[in-house]
Every structure is written in C-alpha cells, then in structure tokens.
PDB file of N, CA and C in Angstrom:
ATOM      1  N   UNK A   1     107.715  57.451 138.505  1.00  0.00           N
ATOM      2  CA  UNK A   1     107.200  58.391 139.447  1.00  0.00           C
ATOM      3  C   UNK A   1     105.694  57.961 139.705  1.00  0.00           C
ATOM      4  N   UNK A   2     104.702  58.940 139.297  1.00  0.00           N
ATOM      5  CA  UNK A   2     103.499  58.676 139.485  1.00  0.00           C
ATOM      6  C   UNK A   2     102.636  58.979 138.393  1.00  0.00           C
ATOM      7  N   UNK A   3     101.444  59.152 138.492  1.00  0.00           N
ATOM      8  CA  UNK A   3     100.337  59.558 137.641  1.00  0.00           C
ATOM      9  C   UNK A   3      99.870  60.820 138.057  1.00  0.00           C
ATOM     10  N   UNK A   4     100.290  62.089 137.524  1.00  0.00           N
ATOM     11  CA  UNK A   4      99.932  63.326 138.141  1.00  0.00           C
ATOM     12  C   UNK A   4      98.431  63.583 137.775  1.00  0.00           C
ATOM     13  N   UNK A   5      98.193  63.236 136.570  1.00  0.00           N
ATOM     14  CA  UNK A   5      96.682  63.471 136.055  1.00  0.00           C
ATOM     15  C   UNK A   5      95.689  62.693 136.730  1.00  0.00           C
ATOM     16  N   UNK A   6      96.189  61.383 137.198  1.00  0.00           N
ATOM     17  CA  UNK A   6      95.175  60.693 138.117  1.00  0.00           C
ATOM     18  C   UNK A   6      94.866  61.386 139.497  1.00  0.00           C
ATOM     19  N   UNK A   7      95.944  62.003 140.159  1.00  0.00           N
ATOM     20  CA  UNK A   7      95.802  62.571 141.225  1.00  0.00           C
ATOM     21  C   UNK A   7      95.017  63.992 141.104  1.00  0.00           C
ATOM     22  N   UNK A   8      95.121  64.450 140.232  1.00  0.00           N
ATOM     23  CA  UNK A   8      94.519  65.856 139.821  1.00  0.00           C
ATOM     24  C   UNK A   8      93.075  65.464 139.602  1.00  0.00           C
ATOM     25  N   UNK A   9      92.800  64.289 138.955  1.00  0.00           N
ATOM     26  CA  UNK A   9      91.467  63.805 138.607  1.00  0.00           C
ATOM     27  C   UNK A   9      90.741  63.570 140.002  1.00  0.00           C
ATOM     28  N   UNK A  10      91.306  62.804 140.901  1.00  0.00           N
ATOM     29  CA  UNK A  10      90.900  62.465 142.096  1.00  0.00           C
ATOM     30  C   UNK A  10      90.589  63.596 142.992  1.00  0.00           C
ATOM     31  N   UNK A  11      91.359  64.642 143.024  1.00  0.00           N
ATOM     32  CA  UNK A  11      91.266  65.743 143.725  1.00  0.00           C
ATOM     33  C   UNK A  11      90.004  66.747 143.466  1.00  0.00           C
ATOM     34  N   UNK A  12      89.895  66.685 142.106  1.00  0.00           N
ATOM     35  CA  UNK A  12      88.761  67.363 141.621  1.00  0.00           C
ATOM     36  C   UNK A  12      87.441  66.798 141.852  1.00  0.00           C
ATOM     37  N   UNK A  13      87.455  65.267 141.895  1.00  0.00           N
ATOM     38  CA  UNK A  13      86.387  64.393 142.197  1.00  0.00           C
ATOM     39  C   UNK A  13      85.964  64.735 143.612  1.00  0.00           C
ATOM     40  N   UNK A  14      87.043  64.899 144.585  1.00  0.00           N
ATOM     41  CA  UNK A  14      86.801  64.862 145.892  1.00  0.00           C
ATOM     42  C   UNK A  14      86.343  66.333 146.286  1.00  0.00           C
ATOM     43  N   UNK A  15      86.709  67.260 145.633  1.00  0.00           N
ATOM     44  CA  UNK A  15      86.208  68.698 145.787  1.00  0.00           C
ATOM     45  C   UNK A  15      84.707  68.726 145.542  1.00  0.00           C
ATOM     46  N   UNK A  16      84.350  68.010 144.122  1.00  0.00           N
ATOM     47  CA  UNK A  16      82.902  68.020 143.821  1.00  0.00           C
ATOM     48  C   UNK A  16      82.189  67.153 144.745  1.00  0.00           C
ATOM     49  N   UNK A  17      82.533  66.186 145.380  1.00  0.00           N
ATOM     50  CA  UNK A  17      81.866  65.468 146.338  1.00  0.00           C
ATOM     51  C   UNK A  17      81.591  66.357 147.622  1.00  0.00           C
ATOM     52  N   UNK A  18      82.677  66.962 147.955  1.00  0.00           N
ATOM     53  CA  UNK A  18      82.613  67.773 149.106  1.00  0.00           C
ATOM     54  C   UNK A  18      81.411  68.987 148.874  1.00  0.00           C
ATOM     55  N   UNK A  19      81.408  69.694 147.774  1.00  0.00           N
ATOM     56  CA  UNK A  19      80.578  70.510 147.231  1.00  0.00           C
ATOM     57  C   UNK A  19      79.047  69.992 147.127  1.00  0.00           C
ATOM     58  N   UNK A  20      79.063  68.786 146.853  1.00  0.00           N
ATOM     59  CA  UNK A  20      77.594  68.362 146.666  1.00  0.00           C
ATOM     60  C   UNK A  20      77.230  67.794 148.072  1.00  0.00           C
ATOM     61  N   UNK A  21      77.949  67.204 148.911  1.00  0.00           N
ATOM     62  CA  UNK A  21      77.587  66.647 150.197  1.00  0.00           C
ATOM     63  C   UNK A  21      77.465  67.651 151.154  1.00  0.00           C
ATOM     64  N   UNK A  22      78.201  68.650 151.270  1.00  0.00           N
ATOM     65  CA  UNK A  22      78.357  69.767 152.365  1.00  0.00           C
ATOM     66  C   UNK A  22      76.828  70.128 152.735  1.00  0.00           C
ATOM     67  N   UNK A  23      76.213  70.715 151.861  1.00  0.00           N
ATOM     68  CA  UNK A  23      74.841  71.187 152.187  1.00  0.00           C
ATOM     69  C   UNK A  23      73.773  70.180 152.607  1.00  0.00           C
ATOM     70  N   UNK A  24      74.074  69.021 152.247  1.00  0.00           N
ATOM     71  CA  UNK A  24      73.213  68.013 152.782  1.00  0.00           C
ATOM     72  C   UNK A  24      73.505  67.160 153.949  1.00  0.00           C
ATOM     73  N   UNK A  25      74.503  67.467 154.620  1.00  0.00           N
ATOM     74  CA  UNK A  25      74.926  66.949 155.788  1.00  0.00           C
ATOM     75  C   UNK A  25      74.385  67.584 157.153  1.00  0.00           C
ATOM     76  N   UNK A  26      73.714  66.781 157.908  1.00  0.00           N
ATOM     77  CA  UNK A  26      72.981  67.381 159.011  1.00  0.00           C
ATOM     78  C   UNK A  26      74.049  67.847 160.258  1.00  0.00           C
ATOM     79  N   UNK A  27      74.660  69.048 160.263  1.00  0.00           N
ATOM     80  CA  UNK A  27      75.446  69.458 161.257  1.00  0.00           C
ATOM     81  C   UNK A  27      74.676  69.875 162.740  1.00  0.00           C
ATOM     82  N   UNK A  28      73.668  70.441 162.282  1.00  0.00           N
ATOM     83  CA  UNK A  28      72.795  70.921 163.443  1.00  0.00           C
ATOM     84  C   UNK A  28      71.643  70.043 163.879  1.00  0.00           C
ATOM     85  N   UNK A  29      71.772  68.745 163.873  1.00  0.00           N
ATOM     86  CA  UNK A  29      70.563  67.787 163.982  1.00  0.00           C
ATOM     87  C   UNK A  29      70.605  67.346 165.444  1.00  0.00           C
ATOM     88  N   UNK A  30      69.301  67.071 165.739  1.00  0.00           N
ATOM     89  CA  UNK A  30      69.197  66.888 167.335  1.00  0.00           C
ATOM     90  C   UNK A  30      69.808  65.436 167.699  1.00  0.00           C
ATOM     91  N   UNK A  31      70.124  64.753 166.622  1.00  0.00           N
ATOM     92  CA  UNK A  31      70.539  63.369 167.015  1.00  0.00           C
ATOM     93  C   UNK A  31      72.164  63.499 166.761  1.00  0.00           C
ATOM     94  N   UNK A  32      72.788  62.869 167.920  1.00  0.00           N
ATOM     95  CA  UNK A  32      74.316  62.935 168.173  1.00  0.00           C
ATOM     96  C   UNK A  32      74.742  62.054 166.979  1.00  0.00           C
ATOM     97  N   UNK A  33      74.185  60.884 166.565  1.00  0.00           N
ATOM     98  CA  UNK A  33      74.602  60.266 165.495  1.00  0.00           C
ATOM     99  C   UNK A  33      74.850  60.849 164.142  1.00  0.00           C
ATOM    100  N   UNK A  34      73.897  61.791 163.648  1.00  0.00           N
ATOM    101  CA  UNK A  34      74.195  62.371 162.576  1.00  0.00           C
ATOM    102  C   UNK A  34      75.121  63.384 162.612  1.00  0.00           C
ATOM    103  N   UNK A  35      75.343  63.988 163.673  1.00  0.00           N
ATOM    104  CA  UNK A  35      76.514  65.169 163.868  1.00  0.00           C
ATOM    105  C   UNK A  35      77.733  64.463 163.833  1.00  0.00           C
ATOM    106  N   UNK A  36      77.945  63.073 164.313  1.00  0.00           N
ATOM    107  CA  UNK A  36      79.144  62.553 164.500  1.00  0.00           C
ATOM    108  C   UNK A  36      79.422  61.897 163.043  1.00  0.00           C
ATOM    109  N   UNK A  37      78.318  61.542 162.238  1.00  0.00           N
ATOM    110  CA  UNK A  37      78.544  60.890 160.861  1.00  0.00           C
ATOM    111  C   UNK A  37      79.071  62.096 159.999  1.00  0.00           C
ATOM    112  N   UNK A  38      78.542  63.320 160.083  1.00  0.00           N
ATOM    113  CA  UNK A  38      78.903  64.389 159.333  1.00  0.00           C
ATOM    114  C   UNK A  38      80.383  64.842 159.574  1.00  0.00           C
ATOM    115  N   UNK A  39      80.674  64.895 161.026  1.00  0.00           N
ATOM    116  CA  UNK A  39      82.214  65.320 161.336  1.00  0.00           C
ATOM    117  C   UNK A  39      83.063  64.245 160.592  1.00  0.00           C
ATOM    118  N   UNK A  40      82.652  62.999 160.754  1.00  0.00           N
ATOM    119  CA  UNK A  40      83.623  61.962 160.277  1.00  0.00           C
ATOM    120  C   UNK A  40      83.704  62.063 158.888  1.00  0.00           C
ATOM    121  N   UNK A  41      82.673  62.254 158.033  1.00  0.00           N
ATOM    122  CA  UNK A  41      82.584  62.231 156.581  1.00  0.00           C
ATOM    123  C   UNK A  41      83.527  63.468 156.208  1.00  0.00           C
ATOM    124  N   UNK A  42      83.249  64.694 156.665  1.00  0.00           N
ATOM    125  CA  UNK A  42      84.154  65.738 156.232  1.00  0.00           C
ATOM    126  C   UNK A  42      85.654  65.573 156.706  1.00  0.00           C
ATOM    127  N   UNK A  43      85.768  64.849 157.868  1.00  0.00           N
ATOM    128  CA  UNK A  43      87.427  64.621 158.040  1.00  0.00           C
ATOM    129  C   UNK A  43      87.855  63.608 157.065  1.00  0.00           C
ATOM    130  N   UNK A  44      87.222  62.611 156.742  1.00  0.00           N
ATOM    131  CA  UNK A  44      87.850  61.818 155.533  1.00  0.00           C
ATOM    132  C   UNK A  44      87.817  62.418 154.202  1.00  0.00           C
ATOM    133  N   UNK A  45      86.953  63.494 153.755  1.00  0.00           N
ATOM    134  CA  UNK A  45      87.029  64.096 152.556  1.00  0.00           C
ATOM    135  C   UNK A  45      88.159  64.964 152.736  1.00  0.00           C
ATOM    136  N   UNK A  46      88.298  65.807 153.630  1.00  0.00           N
ATOM    137  CA  UNK A  46      89.651  66.684 153.886  1.00  0.00           C
ATOM    138  C   UNK A  46      90.805  65.816 153.961  1.00  0.00           C
ATOM    139  N   UNK A  47      90.874  64.666 154.405  1.00  0.00           N
ATOM    140  CA  UNK A  47      92.013  63.698 154.320  1.00  0.00           C
ATOM    141  C   UNK A  47      92.657  63.452 152.974  1.00  0.00           C
ATOM    142  N   UNK A  48      91.497  62.936 152.174  1.00  0.00           N
ATOM    143  CA  UNK A  48      91.680  62.690 150.733  1.00  0.00           C
ATOM    144  C   UNK A  48      92.119  63.810 150.056  1.00  0.00           C
ATOM    145  N   UNK A  49      91.504  64.858 150.186  1.00  0.00           N
ATOM    146  CA  UNK A  49      91.940  66.190 149.532  1.00  0.00           C
ATOM    147  C   UNK A  49      93.376  66.497 149.886  1.00  0.00           C
ATOM    148  N   UNK A  50      93.774  66.449 151.248  1.00  0.00           N
ATOM    149  CA  UNK A  50      95.086  66.615 151.493  1.00  0.00           C
ATOM    150  C   UNK A  50      96.074  65.629 150.908  1.00  0.00           C
ATOM    151  N   UNK A  51      95.844  64.355 151.076  1.00  0.00           N
ATOM    152  CA  UNK A  51      96.638  63.336 150.403  1.00  0.00           C
ATOM    153  C   UNK A  51      97.038  63.807 148.983  1.00  0.00           C
ATOM    154  N   UNK A  52      95.893  64.051 148.096  1.00  0.00           N
ATOM    155  CA  UNK A  52      96.307  64.389 146.934  1.00  0.00           C
ATOM    156  C   UNK A  52      97.119  65.450 146.455  1.00  0.00           C
ATOM    157  N   UNK A  53      96.601  66.622 147.390  1.00  0.00           N
ATOM    158  CA  UNK A  53      97.432  67.684 147.242  1.00  0.00           C
ATOM    159  C   UNK A  53      98.967  67.443 147.511  1.00  0.00           C
ATOM    160  N   UNK A  54      99.255  66.579 148.614  1.00  0.00           N
ATOM    161  CA  UNK A  54     100.594  66.377 148.949  1.00  0.00           C
ATOM    162  C   UNK A  54     101.264  65.446 147.785  1.00  0.00           C
ATOM    163  N   UNK A  55     100.492  64.707 147.322  1.00  0.00           N
ATOM    164  CA  UNK A  55     101.044  63.882 146.200  1.00  0.00           C
ATOM    165  C   UNK A  55     101.403  64.687 144.905  1.00  0.00           C
ATOM    166  N   UNK A  56     100.624  65.578 144.629  1.00  0.00           N
ATOM    167  CA  UNK A  56     100.899  66.562 143.423  1.00  0.00           C
ATOM    168  C   UNK A  56     102.046  67.358 143.822  1.00  0.00           C
ATOM    169  N   UNK A  57     102.151  68.046 144.892  1.00  0.00           N
ATOM    170  CA  UNK A  57     103.248  68.720 145.558  1.00  0.00           C
ATOM    171  C   UNK A  57     104.604  67.975 145.256  1.00  0.00           C
ATOM    172  N   UNK A  58     104.538  66.677 145.895  1.00  0.00           N
ATOM    173  CA  UNK A  58     105.734  65.766 145.941  1.00  0.00           C
ATOM    174  C   UNK A  58     106.242  65.586 144.611  1.00  0.00           C
ATOM    175  N   UNK A  59     105.385  65.169 143.696  1.00  0.00           N
ATOM    176  CA  UNK A  59     105.729  64.813 142.544  1.00  0.00           C
ATOM    177  C   UNK A  59     106.522  66.167 141.772  1.00  0.00           C
ATOM    178  N   UNK A  60     105.854  67.160 141.769  1.00  0.00           N
ATOM    179  CA  UNK A  60     106.541  68.409 141.184  1.00  0.00           C
ATOM    180  C   UNK A  60     107.942  68.656 141.809  1.00  0.00           C
ATOM    181  N   UNK A  61     107.964  68.566 143.084  1.00  0.00           N
ATOM    182  CA  UNK A  61     109.290  68.757 143.559  1.00  0.00           C
ATOM    183  C   UNK A  61     110.289  67.715 143.251  1.00  0.00           C
ATOM    184  N   UNK A  62     109.708  66.456 143.116  1.00  0.00           N
ATOM    185  CA  UNK A  62     110.647  65.260 142.881  1.00  0.00           C
ATOM    186  C   UNK A  62     110.978  65.335 141.426  1.00  0.00           C
ATOM    187  N   UNK A  63     110.594  66.050 140.509  1.00  0.00           N
ATOM    188  CA  UNK A  63     110.975  66.125 139.087  1.00  0.00           C
ATOM    189  C   UNK A  63     112.416  66.943 139.181  1.00  0.00           C
ATOM    190  N   UNK A  64     112.536  67.813 140.054  1.00  0.00           N
ATOM    191  CA  UNK A  64     113.719  68.565 139.899  1.00  0.00           C
ATOM    192  C   UNK A  64     114.945  67.758 140.748  1.00  0.00           C
ATOM    193  N   UNK A  65     114.629  67.017 141.602  1.00  0.00           N
ATOM    194  CA  UNK A  65     115.645  66.392 142.507  1.00  0.00           C
ATOM    195  C   UNK A  65     116.063  64.891 141.717  1.00  0.00           C
ATOM    196  N   UNK A  66     115.252  64.428 141.244  1.00  0.00           N
ATOM    197  CA  UNK A  66     115.465  62.993 140.616  1.00  0.00           C
ATOM    198  C   UNK A  66     116.507  63.060 139.600  1.00  0.00           C
ATOM    199  N   UNK A  67     116.535  64.104 138.777  1.00  0.00           N
ATOM    200  CA  UNK A  67     117.672  64.264 137.889  1.00  0.00           C
ATOM    201  C   UNK A  67     119.066  64.662 138.473  1.00  0.00           C
ATOM    202  N   UNK A  68     119.162  65.326 139.474  1.00  0.00           N
ATOM    203  CA  UNK A  68     120.360  65.657 140.180  1.00  0.00           C
ATOM    204  C   UNK A  68     120.844  64.273 140.828  1.00  0.00           C
ATOM    205  N   UNK A  69     119.863  63.579 141.397  1.00  0.00           N
ATOM    206  CA  UNK A  69     120.332  62.359 142.108  1.00  0.00           C
ATOM    207  C   UNK A  69     120.687  61.159 141.221  1.00  0.00           C
ATOM    208  N   UNK A  70     120.209  60.945 140.077  1.00  0.00           N
ATOM    209  CA  UNK A  70     120.262  59.909 139.241  1.00  0.00           C
ATOM    210  C   UNK A  70     121.586  60.050 138.391  1.00  0.00           C
ATOM    211  N   UNK A  71     122.000  61.359 138.124  1.00  0.00           N
ATOM    212  CA  UNK A  71     123.138  61.676 137.141  1.00  0.00           C
ATOM    213  C   UNK A  71     124.384  61.135 137.782  1.00  0.00           C
ATOM    214  N   UNK A  72     124.617  61.413 139.068  1.00  0.00           N
ATOM    215  CA  UNK A  72     126.001  60.943 139.795  1.00  0.00           C
ATOM    216  C   UNK A  72     126.336  59.475 139.773  1.00  0.00           C
ATOM    217  N   UNK A  73     124.835  58.907 140.056  1.00  0.00           N
ATOM    218  CA  UNK A  73     124.882  57.482 140.084  1.00  0.00           C
ATOM    219  C   UNK A  73     125.329  56.793 138.878  1.00  0.00           C
ATOM    220  N   UNK A  74     124.857  57.376 137.829  1.00  0.00           N
ATOM    221  CA  UNK A  74     125.038  56.712 136.478  1.00  0.00           C
ATOM    222  C   UNK A  74     126.589  56.937 136.060  1.00  0.00           C
ATOM    223  N   UNK A  75     126.930  58.195 136.513  1.00  0.00           N
ATOM    224  CA  UNK A  75     128.474  58.378 136.195  1.00  0.00           C
ATOM    225  C   UNK A  75     129.249  57.439 137.019  1.00  0.00           C
ATOM    226  N   UNK A  76     129.130  57.148 138.248  1.00  0.00           N
ATOM    227  CA  UNK A  76     129.662  56.163 138.938  1.00  0.00           C
ATOM    228  C   UNK A  76     129.720  54.791 138.499  1.00  0.00           C
ATOM    229  N   UNK A  77     128.457  54.268 137.818  1.00  0.00           N
ATOM    230  CA  UNK A  77     128.411  53.106 137.287  1.00  0.00           C
ATOM    231  C   UNK A  77     129.415  52.963 135.980  1.00  0.00           C
ATOM    232  N   UNK A  78     129.411  54.100 135.112  1.00  0.00           N
ATOM    233  CA  UNK A  78     130.368  54.012 134.176  1.00  0.00           C
ATOM    234  C   UNK A  78     131.626  53.764 134.253  1.00  0.00           C
ATOM    235  N   UNK A  79     132.322  54.404 135.383  1.00  0.00           N
ATOM    236  CA  UNK A  79     133.563  54.269 135.864  1.00  0.00           C
ATOM    237  C   UNK A  79     134.152  52.966 136.476  1.00  0.00           C
ATOM    238  N   UNK A  80     133.168  51.956 136.576  1.00  0.00           N
ATOM    239  CA  UNK A  80     133.585  50.779 137.186  1.00  0.00           C
ATOM    240  C   UNK A  80     134.324  49.927 135.901  1.00  0.00           C
ATOM    241  N   UNK A  81     135.412  49.301 136.647  1.00  0.00           N
ATOM    242  CA  UNK A  81     136.231  48.345 135.757  1.00  0.00           C
ATOM    243  C   UNK A  81     135.899  46.977 135.814  1.00  0.00           C
ATOM    244  N   UNK A  82     135.442  46.525 137.154  1.00  0.00           N
ATOM    245  CA  UNK A  82     134.982  45.266 137.213  1.00  0.00           C
ATOM    246  C   UNK A  82     133.548  45.082 137.554  1.00  0.00           C
ATOM    247  N   UNK A  83     133.133  43.955 137.269  1.00  0.00           N
ATOM    248  CA  UNK A  83     131.651  43.647 137.565  1.00  0.00           C
ATOM    249  C   UNK A  83     131.737  43.073 138.883  1.00  0.00           C
ATOM    250  N   UNK A  84     130.639  43.261 139.580  1.00  0.00           N
ATOM    251  CA  UNK A  84     130.038  42.803 140.963  1.00  0.00           C
ATOM    252  C   UNK A  84     129.295  41.478 140.679  1.00  0.00           C
ATOM    253  N   UNK A  85     129.919  40.289 141.181  1.00  0.00           N
ATOM    254  CA  UNK A  85     129.355  38.904 141.199  1.00  0.00           C
ATOM    255  C   UNK A  85     128.723  38.741 142.376  1.00  0.00           C
ATOM    256  N   UNK A  86     127.709  38.175 142.412  1.00  0.00           N
ATOM    257  CA  UNK A  86     127.046  37.781 143.596  1.00  0.00           C
ATOM    258  C   UNK A  86     127.046  36.372 143.720  1.00  0.00           C
TER     259      UNK A  86
END
C-alpha cells in the first residue's frame, strides 16, 4: 500500500508551512507580481494539502476493500488443477 505516517508527516509540514508563510505573503501589495506570486504559492500549498488528505483517505478506505478483493483471487488460485505455462 503506502506509507500513512509519511503522508501525515508531510501534511503536518504543509500546514505549518502555510501557517508560517501566510502572514508574510503580500496579498495587498501595489505590485502585481507580488500578488500573483502569493496566489500561486497559496494554490500550490492547498494542492499539496489536498493531495495528502486524499492519499490518507484512500489508504484508509483501501484497507477494507483489499482484503475482500484478494480473498476470492486466492481461492480461485487454490482450485486450479493445471499450471499455466507461457
């Protein structure tokens, strides 16, 4: 599967990075470049947070479905009487 602790660690790191950087971003600056940079930075940070949340949720849902999908395949493999030669 994956590494849920790594995803949780990266998610916490991304939240801390947003909390640290948000007050320092110039959203109301007079230069358009600064405002565009701030918007893009927040967009990427939210994208990273969303990806890690999705991965954590997918891994939790996958734990329930994997066992129900793997068990029938193992039973079918046990019932074979001939080997498949390639």
